């Protein structure tokens, strides 16, 4: 089993910054990628950023050039630095990890709320 714990969410004014942290624990082998998604009530979960074990980073169109994802593979931790936050960035942010444990598996964290006010 793999557990993901997010931290770093909170409230900030537009233009401000936050840094999210996701720590993965448990039996972790053959990680394919770690990433961040976000979701607002009534909407589908959308990709914010992902970081593959091959070093490839992907960003959602709405966060490019403002958000940066990094990983510490030794600590099994992913970070999301969010700068120039906008009101529309308000959402619950979820960390996920894709790995192969005999079969492909995806695990999700419990989510952390980010609220950006004008």
Protein backbone atom coordinates (compact mmCIF):
# COMPACT_ATOMS: atom_id res chain seq x y z
CA UNK A 1 0.00 0.00 0.00
CA UNK A 2 1.03 3.54 -0.74
CA UNK A 3 -0.09 6.61 1.16
CA UNK A 4 0.17 10.17 -0.09
CA UNK A 5 -0.01 13.11 2.28
CA UNK A 6 -0.30 16.65 0.95
CA UNK A 7 0.46 19.80 2.86
CA UNK A 8 0.99 23.49 2.21
CA UNK A 9 -2.46 24.56 1.10
CA UNK A 10 -4.14 27.61 2.50
CA UNK A 11 -5.49 31.04 1.70
CA UNK A 12 -3.57 33.71 -0.16
CA UNK A 13 -4.30 36.91 -2.01
CA UNK A 14 -4.09 37.08 -5.78
CA UNK A 15 -0.50 37.51 -6.91
CA UNK A 16 0.83 35.58 -3.95
CA UNK A 17 2.61 32.25 -3.73
CA UNK A 18 2.17 28.88 -2.08
CA UNK A 19 4.21 25.70 -2.04
CA UNK A 20 2.52 22.34 -1.85
CA UNK A 21 4.30 19.21 -0.65
CA UNK A 22 3.32 15.60 -1.29
CA UNK A 23 5.05 12.85 0.62
CA UNK A 24 4.59 9.25 -0.50
CA UNK A 25 5.13 6.43 1.98
CA UNK A 26 4.76 2.68 1.84
CA UNK A 27 6.08 0.12 -0.60
CA UNK A 28 7.15 2.22 -3.56
CA UNK A 29 8.88 0.67 -6.53
CA UNK A 30 8.93 1.48 -10.21
CA UNK A 31 7.40 4.91 -9.96
CA UNK A 32 6.24 6.13 -13.34
CA UNK A 33 5.31 9.65 -12.33
CA UNK A 34 4.16 11.90 -9.54
CA UNK A 35 1.87 14.80 -10.14
CA UNK A 36 -0.70 17.28 -9.02
CA UNK A 37 -4.31 17.64 -10.09
CA UNK A 38 -6.99 20.03 -8.96
CA UNK A 39 -10.74 20.04 -8.80
CA UNK A 40 -13.51 22.51 -8.06
CA UNK A 41 -17.06 21.45 -7.14
CA UNK A 42 -18.98 20.29 -10.18
CA UNK A 43 -15.91 20.12 -12.41
CA UNK A 44 -13.67 17.30 -13.51
CA UNK A 45 -10.28 16.86 -11.98
CA UNK A 46 -7.66 18.51 -14.19
CA UNK A 47 -3.93 18.08 -14.54
CA UNK A 48 -1.86 20.79 -12.93
CA UNK A 49 1.60 19.30 -13.33
CA UNK A 50 3.30 15.93 -13.57
CA UNK A 51 6.90 14.79 -13.36
CA UNK A 52 7.86 11.45 -14.82
CA UNK A 53 10.70 9.31 -13.57
CA UNK A 54 12.31 9.96 -16.95
CA UNK A 55 12.50 13.63 -16.09
CA UNK A 56 9.65 14.84 -18.29
CA UNK A 57 7.48 17.58 -16.84
CA UNK A 58 4.00 18.42 -18.07
CA UNK A 59 1.88 21.39 -17.08
CA UNK A 60 -1.73 22.32 -17.55
CA UNK A 61 -2.23 25.18 -19.95
CA UNK A 62 -3.64 27.43 -17.26
CA UNK A 63 -0.62 27.16 -14.98
CA UNK A 64 2.30 27.16 -17.41
CA UNK A 65 4.98 29.71 -16.55
CA UNK A 66 3.51 30.22 -13.06
CA UNK A 67 3.76 26.80 -11.39
CA UNK A 68 6.81 24.57 -11.06
CA UNK A 69 6.88 20.91 -10.10
CA UNK A 70 9.94 19.30 -8.57
CA UNK A 71 10.69 15.89 -7.08
CA UNK A 72 13.00 14.43 -4.51
CA UNK A 73 13.25 10.78 -5.56
CA UNK A 74 15.11 9.75 -2.43
CA UNK A 75 12.40 11.15 -0.19
CA UNK A 76 9.56 10.13 -2.55
CA UNK A 77 8.32 13.67 -2.30
CA UNK A 78 6.89 16.01 -4.90
CA UNK A 79 6.58 19.76 -4.61
CA UNK A 80 4.45 22.29 -6.42
CA UNK A 81 5.62 25.88 -6.30
CA UNK A 82 2.73 28.13 -7.24
CA UNK A 83 3.50 31.76 -8.07
CA UNK A 84 1.37 34.63 -9.34
CA UNK A 85 -1.73 32.90 -8.03
CA UNK A 86 -5.07 33.87 -9.51
CA UNK A 87 -8.58 33.63 -8.11
CA UNK A 88 -9.29 30.90 -10.67
CA UNK A 89 -6.55 28.76 -9.12
CA UNK A 90 -8.86 28.21 -6.16
CA UNK A 91 -9.46 24.46 -5.90
CA UNK A 92 -8.72 21.31 -3.97
CA UNK A 93 -5.31 20.08 -5.04
CA UNK A 94 -4.59 16.37 -5.13
CA UNK A 95 -1.28 14.62 -5.37
CA UNK A 96 -1.05 11.37 -7.29
CA UNK A 97 1.51 8.72 -8.04
CA UNK A 98 1.53 6.23 -10.88
CA UNK A 99 3.63 3.15 -10.37
CA UNK A 100 4.00 -0.46 -11.40
CA UNK A 101 3.56 -3.05 -8.67
CA UNK A 102 3.02 -6.10 -10.82
CA UNK A 103 0.27 -4.07 -12.47
CA UNK A 104 -0.10 -0.37 -13.01
CA UNK A 105 -1.57 1.45 -10.02
CA UNK A 106 -2.53 5.00 -9.24
CA UNK A 107 -2.78 6.39 -5.75
CA UNK A 108 -4.27 9.69 -4.64
CA UNK A 109 -3.81 11.90 -1.63
CA UNK A 110 -6.67 13.29 0.39
CA UNK A 111 -6.35 16.75 -1.13
CA UNK A 112 -5.40 20.15 0.20
CA UNK A 113 -7.45 23.29 -0.33
CA UNK A 114 -6.00 26.35 -2.01
CA UNK A 115 -8.07 29.52 -1.85
CA UNK A 116 -7.02 32.66 -3.69
CA UNK A 117 -8.87 35.87 -2.95
CA UNK A 118 -8.95 39.09 -4.93
